């Protein structure tokens, strides 16, 4: 760059180079296609097959090393990096001079013969070059990469360019989804899609996002769970059904929470929560071996053992072990808040007895569940969609799977008694009227479906993002979502 060039910003310099290319009759954005005959990784790993053959490769320029009348130009495509060699006496002066107006980040296509340099690096000897796109912005500095965490999440495309290892996280995510689909197909499940926009956001306790449909003149809500529509399909005779889809909850953001996230929910007729335990163990144990060849997967300094069987821990008994208090002895909202205060646990003052007790369990029981563990026998008052245990009617046939101290999955023997379900919904409405806006409205349409009869059913919900975190040793949910929710920059 000349001294005069220092007067201009990097973008202005690149714009000048773009103008130089156009003045030479080269339009960098004109190309609509470039016939690639080999990917970078293929040429490198299968050199013996490609040696001496002409290939066409294309990618982003990631390094340029000029040596007089020759240059080594590194290209990166979707598979990896390939070195190309440009010589003035081969390309001709006019084409070779393109280098004066090319920058790191530009896309080019190179046609040439595959060979190895004296340093034994697989290289394409350029015989023809085509400019495919001009980058008008500098890429992150190669040596240090892109280290600003906030910028990495906001501009994920730069993160992928500067930190190639990030791509592997999302490749594993795609493998996980493909494995789950194949696993469930093998067990006879049908994949379906249910509405994202709903008149009632139900299936769990969470504050929904609200929108408005102008044509119908009515409010609609982004779904907070997949459950109630999938159960309608069980009523309709689809005995094994699942959905992998986005759900939306208008709640806080943390390393474990994003306002929109991906859930797997599945329902199987004629089984119960024990059947869901077996399915969960088989799915996750098999997934780990499929991905890594072993059920033992490192996560944040600990090795997670995914091989079944997983321990079973009784929620009420473990709470008693930790606090000396039995769930059933806390009879009122006031007693629950007093217990939370005594234990030093902060809870929303609007929470009812069951919600406070659930928060207490989250604080004193769940953090110790590091290896995959089924926490089961939840009280009915925090399990409004689960069947009662016939031997202990105050408990539900429900489990949550915990790994690394966090909930990964939730499953029930699904409640199919429409009268019992109505009564539990009515109890929720009392809390809603008292100001708890996380309680869903009473869903008469779902109750109508139940009254037509639903067979005994086991159901499972599993957080895909948290599963990907565990399988990729990622500390934050933002590391496994391409574009996490961020506050706009001022």
Protein backbone atom coordinates (compact mmCIF):
# COMPACT_ATOMS: atom_id res chain seq x y z
CA UNK A 1 0.00 0.00 0.00
CA UNK A 2 1.40 3.44 -0.86
CA UNK A 3 1.76 6.29 1.60
CA UNK A 4 -1.21 7.95 -0.03
CA UNK A 5 -3.33 4.88 0.74
CA UNK A 6 -2.81 5.43 4.48
CA UNK A 7 -5.12 8.40 4.24
CA UNK A 8 -8.01 6.06 3.57
CA UNK A 9 -9.85 3.62 5.81
CA UNK A 10 -9.50 -0.12 5.07
CA UNK A 11 -12.98 -0.11 3.55
CA UNK A 12 -12.17 2.87 1.33
CA UNK A 13 -9.02 1.10 0.11
CA UNK A 14 -11.06 -1.97 -0.76
CA UNK A 15 -13.61 0.19 -2.57
CA UNK A 16 -10.76 1.68 -4.61
CA UNK A 17 -9.62 -1.82 -5.52
CA UNK A 18 -13.16 -2.70 -6.54
CA UNK A 19 -13.19 0.33 -8.82
CA UNK A 20 -9.81 -0.70 -10.31
CA UNK A 21 -11.23 -4.14 -11.12
CA UNK A 22 -14.25 -2.60 -12.82
CA UNK A 23 -12.08 -0.23 -14.81
CA UNK A 24 -10.27 -3.31 -16.13
CA UNK A 25 -13.58 -4.82 -17.20
CA UNK A 26 -13.83 -7.26 -14.30
CA UNK A 27 -17.15 -7.23 -12.43
CA UNK A 28 -16.57 -9.17 -9.15
CA UNK A 29 -20.28 -9.70 -8.51
CA UNK A 30 -21.32 -10.75 -11.99
CA UNK A 31 -20.68 -14.49 -11.66
CA UNK A 32 -23.82 -16.47 -10.96
CA UNK A 33 -22.08 -19.84 -10.73
CA UNK A 34 -18.68 -21.47 -10.75
CA UNK A 35 -18.39 -25.16 -11.50
CA UNK A 36 -16.39 -26.65 -8.61
CA UNK A 37 -15.04 -30.13 -9.38
CA UNK A 38 -13.36 -30.86 -6.03
CA UNK A 39 -13.47 -29.63 -2.46
CA UNK A 40 -10.31 -28.62 -0.66
CA UNK A 41 -10.39 -31.52 1.80
CA UNK A 42 -10.91 -34.03 -1.00
CA UNK A 43 -7.86 -32.84 -2.92
CA UNK A 44 -5.66 -32.87 0.19
CA UNK A 45 -6.80 -36.20 1.63
CA UNK A 46 -6.97 -38.00 -1.72
CA UNK A 47 -3.86 -36.51 -3.29
CA UNK A 48 -2.85 -39.73 -5.05
CA UNK A 49 -6.15 -39.74 -6.93
CA UNK A 50 -5.91 -36.08 -7.91
CA UNK A 51 -2.16 -35.72 -8.58
CA UNK A 52 -1.52 -34.40 -12.07
CA UNK A 53 -5.23 -33.87 -12.75
CA UNK A 54 -6.91 -30.53 -13.43
CA UNK A 55 -9.42 -29.45 -10.78
CA UNK A 56 -11.59 -26.41 -10.21
CA UNK A 57 -11.65 -25.18 -6.60
CA UNK A 58 -13.24 -22.07 -5.13
CA UNK A 59 -13.30 -20.33 -1.80
CA UNK A 60 -12.43 -17.33 0.32
CA UNK A 61 -8.83 -16.05 0.28
CA UNK A 62 -7.38 -16.55 3.76
CA UNK A 63 -3.66 -15.98 3.09
CA UNK A 64 -1.54 -14.35 0.38
CA UNK A 65 2.24 -14.77 0.12
CA UNK A 66 3.84 -13.06 -2.85
CA UNK A 67 7.34 -13.88 -4.05
CA UNK A 68 8.19 -11.70 -7.02
CA UNK A 69 6.43 -13.11 -10.06
CA UNK A 70 4.77 -15.93 -8.12
CA UNK A 71 2.42 -16.17 -5.16
CA UNK A 72 0.85 -18.73 -2.86
CA UNK A 73 -2.85 -18.04 -2.24
CA UNK A 74 -4.76 -20.06 0.38
CA UNK A 75 -8.45 -20.68 -0.24
CA UNK A 76 -10.95 -21.94 2.31
CA UNK A 77 -14.16 -23.64 1.26
CA UNK A 78 -16.79 -25.51 3.26
CA UNK A 79 -14.46 -28.49 3.73
CA UNK A 80 -11.17 -26.83 4.66
CA UNK A 81 -8.10 -25.08 3.22
CA UNK A 82 -6.23 -25.62 -0.05
CA UNK A 83 -3.08 -23.84 -1.24
CA UNK A 84 -2.98 -22.49 -4.79
CA UNK A 85 0.11 -21.31 -6.69
CA UNK A 86 -0.13 -18.35 -9.05
CA UNK A 87 2.67 -17.70 -11.55
CA UNK A 88 2.87 -14.73 -13.89
CA UNK A 89 4.38 -16.79 -16.71
CA UNK A 90 1.48 -19.26 -16.53
CA UNK A 91 -1.44 -16.90 -15.94
CA UNK A 92 -0.09 -14.01 -17.98
CA UNK A 93 0.70 -10.51 -16.69
CA UNK A 94 -2.88 -9.25 -16.96
CA UNK A 95 -4.36 -12.04 -14.83
CA UNK A 96 -1.44 -12.11 -12.39
CA UNK A 97 -1.88 -8.39 -11.74
CA UNK A 98 -5.29 -9.18 -10.27
CA UNK A 99 -3.40 -9.78 -7.04
CA UNK A 100 -2.89 -6.03 -6.70
CA UNK A 101 -6.63 -5.60 -6.28
CA UNK A 102 -7.42 -8.74 -4.25
CA UNK A 103 -7.65 -8.91 -0.46
CA UNK A 104 -8.11 -11.45 2.30
CA UNK A 105 -11.78 -12.35 2.34
CA UNK A 106 -12.34 -12.14 -1.43
CA UNK A 107 -13.81 -15.17 -3.19
CA UNK A 108 -12.05 -16.59 -6.23
CA UNK A 109 -12.24 -19.68 -8.37
CA UNK A 110 -9.03 -21.40 -9.48
CA UNK A 111 -8.59 -24.01 -12.20
CA UNK A 112 -5.29 -25.88 -12.29
CA UNK A 113 -3.21 -29.01 -11.87
CA UNK A 114 -2.72 -30.71 -8.49
CA UNK A 115 0.88 -31.21 -7.31
CA UNK A 116 3.02 -31.15 -4.16
CA UNK A 117 5.54 -28.44 -3.37
CA UNK A 118 9.05 -29.17 -2.19
CA UNK A 119 7.65 -28.86 1.32
CA UNK A 120 5.17 -31.60 0.44
CA UNK A 121 2.11 -29.37 0.63
CA UNK A 122 -0.73 -30.27 -1.70
CA UNK A 123 -1.23 -27.35 -4.08
CA UNK A 124 -3.19 -26.37 -7.17
CA UNK A 125 -1.04 -24.78 -9.91
CA UNK A 126 -3.33 -22.02 -11.17
CA UNK A 127 -3.95 -21.98 -14.90
CA UNK A 128 -7.11 -19.85 -14.85
CA UNK A 129 -8.52 -17.54 -12.17
CA UNK A 130 -11.96 -15.98 -11.78
CA UNK A 131 -12.93 -13.30 -9.25
CA UNK A 132 -16.27 -14.35 -7.72
CA UNK A 133 -16.91 -11.73 -5.03
CA UNK A 134 -15.07 -8.81 -3.46
CA UNK A 135 -15.05 -8.42 0.33
CA UNK A 136 -15.36 -4.78 1.40
CA UNK A 137 -14.53 -5.38 5.06
CA UNK A 138 -11.41 -6.65 6.79
CA UNK A 139 -11.63 -10.09 8.33
CA UNK A 140 -10.65 -10.66 11.99
CA UNK A 141 -6.89 -10.78 12.43
CA UNK A 142 -5.82 -14.35 11.71
CA UNK A 143 -3.35 -14.91 14.53
CA UNK A 144 -5.67 -13.90 17.37
CA UNK A 145 -8.96 -14.82 15.76
CA UNK A 146 -12.23 -13.31 16.94
CA UNK A 147 -12.12 -13.29 20.73
CA UNK A 148 -14.79 -10.73 21.63
CA UNK A 149 -17.61 -12.95 22.92
CA UNK A 150 -20.36 -10.40 22.30
CA UNK A 151 -19.17 -9.82 18.71
CA UNK A 152 -18.91 -13.57 18.09
CA UNK A 153 -22.60 -14.00 18.91
CA UNK A 154 -23.77 -10.88 17.05
CA UNK A 155 -21.76 -11.58 13.91
CA UNK A 156 -21.70 -15.37 13.82
CA UNK A 157 -20.50 -15.31 10.21
CA UNK A 158 -17.25 -13.69 11.40
CA UNK A 159 -17.00 -16.24 14.20
CA UNK A 160 -17.24 -19.05 11.66
CA UNK A 161 -14.60 -17.44 9.44
CA UNK A 162 -12.14 -16.65 12.24
CA UNK A 163 -12.71 -19.71 14.43
CA UNK A 164 -13.17 -22.78 12.24
CA UNK A 165 -13.60 -25.01 15.31
CA UNK A 166 -16.95 -23.30 15.96
CA UNK A 167 -18.31 -24.96 12.85
CA UNK A 168 -17.74 -28.38 14.44
CA UNK A 169 -20.24 -27.55 17.21
CA UNK A 170 -22.96 -26.97 14.65
CA UNK A 171 -21.95 -30.00 12.62
CA UNK A 172 -22.45 -32.08 15.78
CA UNK A 173 -25.79 -30.36 16.33
CA UNK A 174 -26.90 -31.43 12.85
CA UNK A 175 -25.66 -34.98 13.51
CA UNK A 176 -27.62 -35.08 16.77
CA UNK A 177 -30.86 -34.06 15.05
CA UNK A 178 -30.30 -36.59 12.26
CA UNK A 179 -29.61 -39.37 14.78
CA UNK A 180 -32.73 -38.55 16.81
CA UNK A 181 -34.91 -38.65 13.71
CA UNK A 182 -33.43 -41.96 12.59
CA UNK A 183 -33.76 -43.44 16.09
CA UNK A 184 -37.42 -42.48 16.38
CA UNK A 185 -38.18 -43.62 12.83
CA UNK A 186 -36.77 -47.01 13.82
CA UNK A 187 -39.27 -47.13 16.68
CA UNK A 188 -42.23 -46.29 14.50
CA UNK A 189 -42.68 -42.61 15.38
CA UNK A 190 -44.15 -40.11 12.92
CA UNK A 191 -42.64 -36.62 12.74
CA UNK A 192 -45.25 -33.84 12.57
CA UNK A 193 -45.53 -30.07 12.71
CA UNK A 194 -47.96 -28.24 14.97
CA UNK A 195 -48.92 -24.54 15.14
CA UNK A 196 -46.40 -21.97 16.33
CA UNK A 197 -49.12 -19.32 16.59
CA UNK A 198 -51.72 -20.42 19.11
CA UNK A 199 -54.85 -18.93 20.64
CA UNK A 200 -53.79 -20.29 24.05
CA UNK A 201 -50.15 -20.83 24.99
CA UNK A 202 -50.35 -23.94 27.15
CA UNK A 203 -48.50 -27.11 28.05
CA UNK A 204 -46.29 -25.62 30.75
CA UNK A 205 -45.94 -22.61 32.99
CA UNK A 206 -44.22 -19.72 31.22
CA UNK A 207 -44.91 -16.17 30.11
CA UNK A 208 -45.65 -16.18 26.34
CA UNK A 209 -44.86 -13.70 23.59
CA UNK A 210 -48.04 -12.07 22.34
CA UNK A 211 -48.85 -10.82 18.86
CA UNK A 212 -52.00 -9.74 17.03
CA UNK A 213 -53.67 -11.13 13.91
CA UNK A 214 -55.17 -8.19 12.03
CA UNK A 215 -57.44 -10.14 9.69
CA UNK A 216 -59.03 -12.16 12.49
CA UNK A 217 -58.92 -9.27 14.96
CA UNK A 218 -57.56 -11.39 17.78
CA UNK A 219 -54.45 -11.89 19.88
CA UNK A 220 -52.22 -14.89 19.23
CA UNK A 221 -49.30 -16.32 21.18
CA UNK A 222 -46.04 -17.96 20.22
CA UNK A 223 -46.14 -21.47 21.60
CA UNK A 224 -44.37 -22.16 24.91
CA UNK A 225 -44.54 -25.97 24.50
CA UNK A 226 -45.45 -28.59 21.91
CA UNK A 227 -47.40 -30.83 24.25
CA UNK A 228 -51.10 -30.18 23.92
CA UNK A 229 -51.33 -30.34 20.13
CA UNK A 230 -49.28 -33.54 20.02
CA UNK A 231 -51.63 -35.13 22.54
CA UNK A 232 -54.55 -34.20 20.31
CA UNK A 233 -52.87 -36.35 17.64
CA UNK A 234 -52.65 -39.26 20.09
CA UNK A 235 -56.41 -38.84 20.58
CA UNK A 236 -56.74 -38.92 16.79
CA UNK A 237 -55.05 -42.33 16.58
CA UNK A 238 -51.43 -41.48 15.74
CA UNK A 239 -49.96 -43.70 18.45
CA UNK A 240 -46.30 -42.62 18.13
CA UNK A 241 -45.74 -39.00 17.28
CA UNK A 242 -43.00 -36.42 17.76
CA UNK A 243 -41.96 -32.91 16.83
CA UNK A 244 -38.63 -31.10 16.89
CA UNK A 245 -39.48 -27.43 16.90
CA UNK A 246 -38.88 -23.97 18.24
CA UNK A 247 -40.69 -22.84 21.38
CA UNK A 248 -40.73 -19.33 22.80
CA UNK A 249 -40.78 -18.14 26.40
CA UNK A 250 -40.78 -14.52 27.46
CA UNK A 251 -38.26 -14.97 30.24
CA UNK A 252 -34.72 -14.05 31.21
CA UNK A 253 -31.56 -14.77 29.24
CA UNK A 254 -28.67 -16.73 30.77
CA UNK A 255 -26.08 -19.35 29.89
CA UNK A 256 -28.93 -21.89 30.02
CA UNK A 257 -31.84 -19.86 28.64
CA UNK A 258 -32.62 -18.21 25.32
CA UNK A 259 -36.11 -16.78 24.62
CA UNK A 260 -36.45 -19.14 21.63
CA UNK A 261 -35.05 -22.63 21.81
CA UNK A 262 -35.52 -26.07 20.28
CA UNK A 263 -37.45 -28.88 21.91
CA UNK A 264 -38.03 -32.52 21.09
CA UNK A 265 -41.40 -33.71 22.33
CA UNK A 266 -42.66 -37.24 21.69
CA UNK A 267 -45.71 -39.22 22.76
CA UNK A 268 -46.22 -42.97 22.65
CA UNK A 269 -49.54 -44.66 23.31
CA UNK A 270 -49.84 -47.72 25.56
CA UNK A 271 -46.73 -47.02 27.61
CA UNK A 272 -45.88 -45.00 30.72
CA UNK A 273 -43.04 -43.03 32.28
CA UNK A 274 -41.04 -46.23 32.76
CA UNK A 275 -41.23 -46.74 29.01
CA UNK A 276 -40.02 -43.17 28.57
CA UNK A 277 -37.05 -43.91 30.85
CA UNK A 278 -36.02 -46.85 28.67
CA UNK A 279 -36.42 -44.79 25.50
CA UNK A 280 -34.41 -41.89 26.96
CA UNK A 281 -31.54 -44.14 28.08
CA UNK A 282 -31.40 -45.91 24.72
CA UNK A 283 -31.54 -42.66 22.77
CA UNK A 284 -28.85 -40.80 24.71
CA UNK A 285 -26.54 -43.75 25.32
CA UNK A 286 -26.68 -44.64 21.64
CA UNK A 287 -26.20 -41.02 20.59
CA UNK A 288 -22.95 -40.63 22.53
CA UNK A 289 -21.50 -43.80 21.02
CA UNK A 290 -22.66 -42.74 17.55
CA UNK A 291 -20.95 -39.36 17.86
CA UNK A 292 -17.75 -40.28 19.66
CA UNK A 293 -17.43 -44.07 19.66
CA UNK A 294 -17.75 -44.10 23.46
CA UNK A 295 -20.48 -43.38 26.04
CA UNK A 296 -18.01 -41.29 28.09
CA UNK A 297 -18.07 -37.65 26.98
CA UNK A 298 -16.14 -34.79 28.65
CA UNK A 299 -18.09 -31.76 29.80
CA UNK A 300 -16.54 -28.77 31.59
CA UNK A 301 -13.88 -30.79 33.40
CA UNK A 302 -16.12 -33.79 34.16
CA UNK A 303 -16.64 -36.96 32.17
CA UNK A 304 -20.34 -37.65 31.65
CA UNK A 305 -21.16 -41.38 31.50
CA UNK A 306 -24.09 -41.72 29.10
CA UNK A 307 -24.25 -45.53 29.18
CA UNK A 308 -27.49 -46.78 30.80
CA UNK A 309 -28.94 -47.54 33.24
CA UNK A 310 -29.25 -44.14 34.94
CA UNK A 311 -29.76 -43.85 38.71
CA UNK A 312 -33.26 -43.09 40.04
CA UNK A 313 -33.57 -40.50 42.81
CA UNK A 314 -36.85 -39.91 44.66
CA UNK A 315 -37.50 -36.14 44.70
CA UNK A 316 -39.39 -36.00 48.00
CA UNK A 317 -36.90 -38.24 49.81
CA UNK A 318 -33.87 -36.34 48.50
CA UNK A 319 -35.46 -33.03 49.53
CA UNK A 320 -35.89 -34.45 53.05
CA UNK A 321 -32.26 -35.60 53.09
CA UNK A 322 -31.08 -32.12 52.11
CA UNK A 323 -33.38 -29.96 54.27
CA UNK A 324 -34.90 -32.16 56.96
CA UNK A 325 -38.30 -31.04 55.66
CA UNK A 326 -40.87 -33.26 53.98
CA UNK A 327 -42.78 -31.77 51.06
CA UNK A 328 -46.18 -32.73 52.42
CA UNK A 329 -45.61 -30.93 55.73
CA UNK A 330 -45.45 -27.56 53.95
CA UNK A 331 -49.17 -26.91 53.75
CA UNK A 332 -49.47 -23.24 52.85
CA UNK A 333 -47.97 -20.57 50.66
CA UNK A 334 -46.72 -18.79 53.76
CA UNK A 335 -44.97 -21.94 55.03
CA UNK A 336 -43.24 -22.36 51.67
CA UNK A 337 -41.98 -18.77 51.55
CA UNK A 338 -40.78 -19.06 55.14
CA UNK A 339 -38.83 -22.22 54.27
CA UNK A 340 -37.24 -20.53 51.27
CA UNK A 341 -36.21 -17.58 53.43
CA UNK A 342 -34.73 -19.90 56.07
CA UNK A 343 -32.73 -21.69 53.38
CA UNK A 344 -31.55 -18.41 51.87
CA UNK A 345 -33.28 -19.01 48.53
CA UNK A 346 -34.65 -16.03 46.61
CA UNK A 347 -38.12 -16.60 45.11
CA UNK A 348 -40.71 -14.39 43.46
CA UNK A 349 -43.06 -13.15 46.21
CA UNK A 350 -46.03 -13.88 43.92
CA UNK A 351 -45.21 -17.60 43.74
CA UNK A 352 -47.68 -20.05 45.24
CA UNK A 353 -46.73 -22.93 47.52
CA UNK A 354 -45.96 -25.40 44.73
CA UNK A 355 -43.83 -22.94 42.76
CA UNK A 356 -41.79 -22.03 45.82
CA UNK A 357 -41.20 -25.68 46.68
CA UNK A 358 -40.13 -26.34 43.09
CA UNK A 359 -37.57 -23.51 43.35
CA UNK A 360 -36.27 -24.98 46.60
CA UNK A 361 -35.75 -28.34 44.90
CA UNK A 362 -33.91 -26.55 42.12
CA UNK A 363 -31.57 -24.93 44.61
CA UNK A 364 -30.79 -27.81 46.99
CA UNK A 365 -31.38 -31.05 45.07
CA UNK A 366 -30.63 -30.51 41.38
CA UNK A 367 -27.03 -29.16 41.50
CA UNK A 368 -25.73 -32.50 42.88
CA UNK A 369 -27.13 -34.51 39.96
CA UNK A 370 -24.04 -34.45 37.72
CA UNK A 371 -24.16 -37.85 36.03
CA UNK A 372 -27.36 -38.65 34.08
CA UNK A 373 -29.97 -39.17 36.81
CA UNK A 374 -33.74 -39.61 36.78
CA UNK A 375 -35.31 -37.43 39.49
CA UNK A 376 -38.75 -38.96 39.88
CA UNK A 377 -41.97 -39.14 41.94
CA UNK A 378 -42.75 -35.43 41.74
CA UNK A 379 -45.69 -34.18 43.79
CA UNK A 380 -48.90 -33.81 41.79
CA UNK A 381 -49.19 -30.11 42.59
CA UNK A 382 -46.17 -29.35 40.38
CA UNK A 383 -47.19 -31.90 37.72
CA UNK A 384 -50.56 -30.76 36.35
CA UNK A 385 -50.38 -32.90 33.18
CA UNK A 386 -49.10 -36.14 34.74
CA UNK A 387 -50.96 -39.19 36.06
CA UNK A 388 -51.07 -39.91 39.76
CA UNK A 389 -49.09 -42.81 41.19
CA UNK A 390 -51.75 -45.40 42.14
CA UNK A 391 -49.75 -46.35 45.25
CA UNK A 392 -49.22 -42.73 46.33
CA UNK A 393 -51.93 -40.47 44.83
CA UNK A 394 -50.20 -37.28 46.04
CA UNK A 395 -47.25 -38.13 43.74
CA UNK A 396 -47.12 -38.15 39.94
CA UNK A 397 -45.72 -40.72 37.54
CA UNK A 398 -43.14 -38.24 36.33
CA UNK A 399 -39.39 -37.91 36.01
CA UNK A 400 -36.91 -35.25 35.04
CA UNK A 401 -33.50 -36.19 33.66
CA UNK A 402 -30.66 -34.17 35.11
CA UNK A 403 -27.13 -34.00 33.74
CA UNK A 404 -24.37 -31.69 35.00
CA UNK A 405 -26.79 -30.21 37.51
CA UNK A 406 -29.32 -29.05 34.94
CA UNK A 407 -32.62 -30.38 33.61
CA UNK A 408 -32.30 -32.02 30.21
CA UNK A 409 -35.63 -33.85 29.87
CA UNK A 410 -39.07 -34.08 31.47
CA UNK A 411 -41.47 -37.01 31.09
CA UNK A 412 -44.82 -38.28 32.39
CA UNK A 413 -47.31 -41.00 32.32
CA UNK A 414 -49.70 -38.57 30.65
CA UNK A 415 -52.89 -37.67 32.44
CA UNK A 416 -55.79 -38.92 30.31
CA UNK A 417 -58.65 -38.46 32.81
CA UNK A 418 -60.50 -35.39 31.45
CA UNK A 419 -62.26 -34.68 34.75
CA UNK A 420 -59.06 -34.78 36.79
CA UNK A 421 -57.35 -32.66 34.12
CA UNK A 422 -60.12 -30.06 34.27
CA UNK A 423 -59.83 -29.80 38.02
CA UNK A 424 -56.08 -29.29 37.83
CA UNK A 425 -56.53 -26.59 35.19
CA UNK A 426 -59.06 -24.89 37.47
CA UNK A 427 -56.48 -24.88 40.29
CA UNK A 428 -54.04 -23.20 37.91
CA UNK A 429 -56.62 -20.49 37.19
CA UNK A 430 -56.71 -19.57 40.87
CA UNK A 431 -53.01 -18.79 40.72
CA UNK A 432 -53.50 -16.93 37.44
CA UNK A 433 -56.22 -14.76 38.95
CA UNK A 434 -53.91 -14.08 41.91
CA UNK A 435 -51.46 -12.43 39.48
CA UNK A 436 -49.22 -15.28 38.32
CA UNK A 437 -49.03 -14.55 34.58
CA UNK A 438 -46.97 -17.70 33.91
CA UNK A 439 -50.03 -19.87 34.47
CA UNK A 440 -51.74 -20.71 31.16
CA UNK A 441 -55.45 -20.02 30.59
CA UNK A 442 -57.85 -22.96 30.81
CA UNK A 443 -57.79 -24.79 27.46
CA UNK A 444 -61.32 -25.96 26.76
CA UNK A 445 -60.43 -27.28 23.31
CA UNK A 446 -57.79 -29.61 24.76
CA UNK A 447 -60.24 -30.81 27.41
CA UNK A 448 -62.78 -31.47 24.64
CA UNK A 449 -60.19 -33.64 22.87
CA UNK A 450 -59.49 -35.58 26.09
CA UNK A 451 -63.19 -36.22 26.57
CA UNK A 452 -63.16 -38.12 23.27
CA UNK A 453 -60.70 -40.53 24.88
CA UNK A 454 -56.93 -40.73 24.96
CA UNK A 455 -55.21 -44.10 25.53
CA UNK A 456 -52.58 -44.57 28.27
CA UNK A 457 -49.61 -42.60 26.97
CA UNK A 458 -46.02 -41.83 27.88
CA UNK A 459 -44.61 -38.44 26.90
CA UNK A 460 -41.12 -36.94 26.85
CA UNK A 461 -39.77 -33.45 26.31
CA UNK A 462 -36.03 -32.97 25.76
CA UNK A 463 -34.11 -29.71 25.28
CA UNK A 464 -32.06 -29.96 22.09
CA UNK A 465 -29.89 -26.94 22.82
CA UNK A 466 -28.90 -28.23 26.25
CA UNK A 467 -28.18 -31.65 24.76
CA UNK A 468 -25.88 -30.05 22.19
CA UNK A 469 -24.14 -28.12 24.97
CA UNK A 470 -23.44 -31.37 26.82
CA UNK A 471 -22.22 -33.20 23.72
CA UNK A 472 -19.92 -30.36 22.56
CA UNK A 473 -18.51 -29.21 25.93
CA UNK A 474 -20.12 -25.80 25.45
CA UNK A 475 -20.60 -23.70 28.61
CA UNK A 476 -23.34 -21.42 27.22
CA UNK A 477 -26.51 -21.99 25.23
CA UNK A 478 -25.38 -19.12 23.00
CA UNK A 479 -22.48 -21.30 21.83
CA UNK A 480 -24.89 -23.81 20.25
CA UNK A 481 -27.43 -21.43 18.67
CA UNK A 482 -26.24 -19.78 15.47
CA UNK A 483 -27.97 -16.48 16.19
CA UNK A 484 -28.89 -16.13 19.89
CA UNK A 485 -31.16 -13.32 21.03
CA UNK A 486 -29.15 -10.16 21.72
CA UNK A 487 -30.03 -6.63 22.73
CA UNK A 488 -29.44 -4.33 19.72
CA UNK A 489 -26.38 -2.10 19.87
CA UNK A 490 -27.23 1.53 20.51
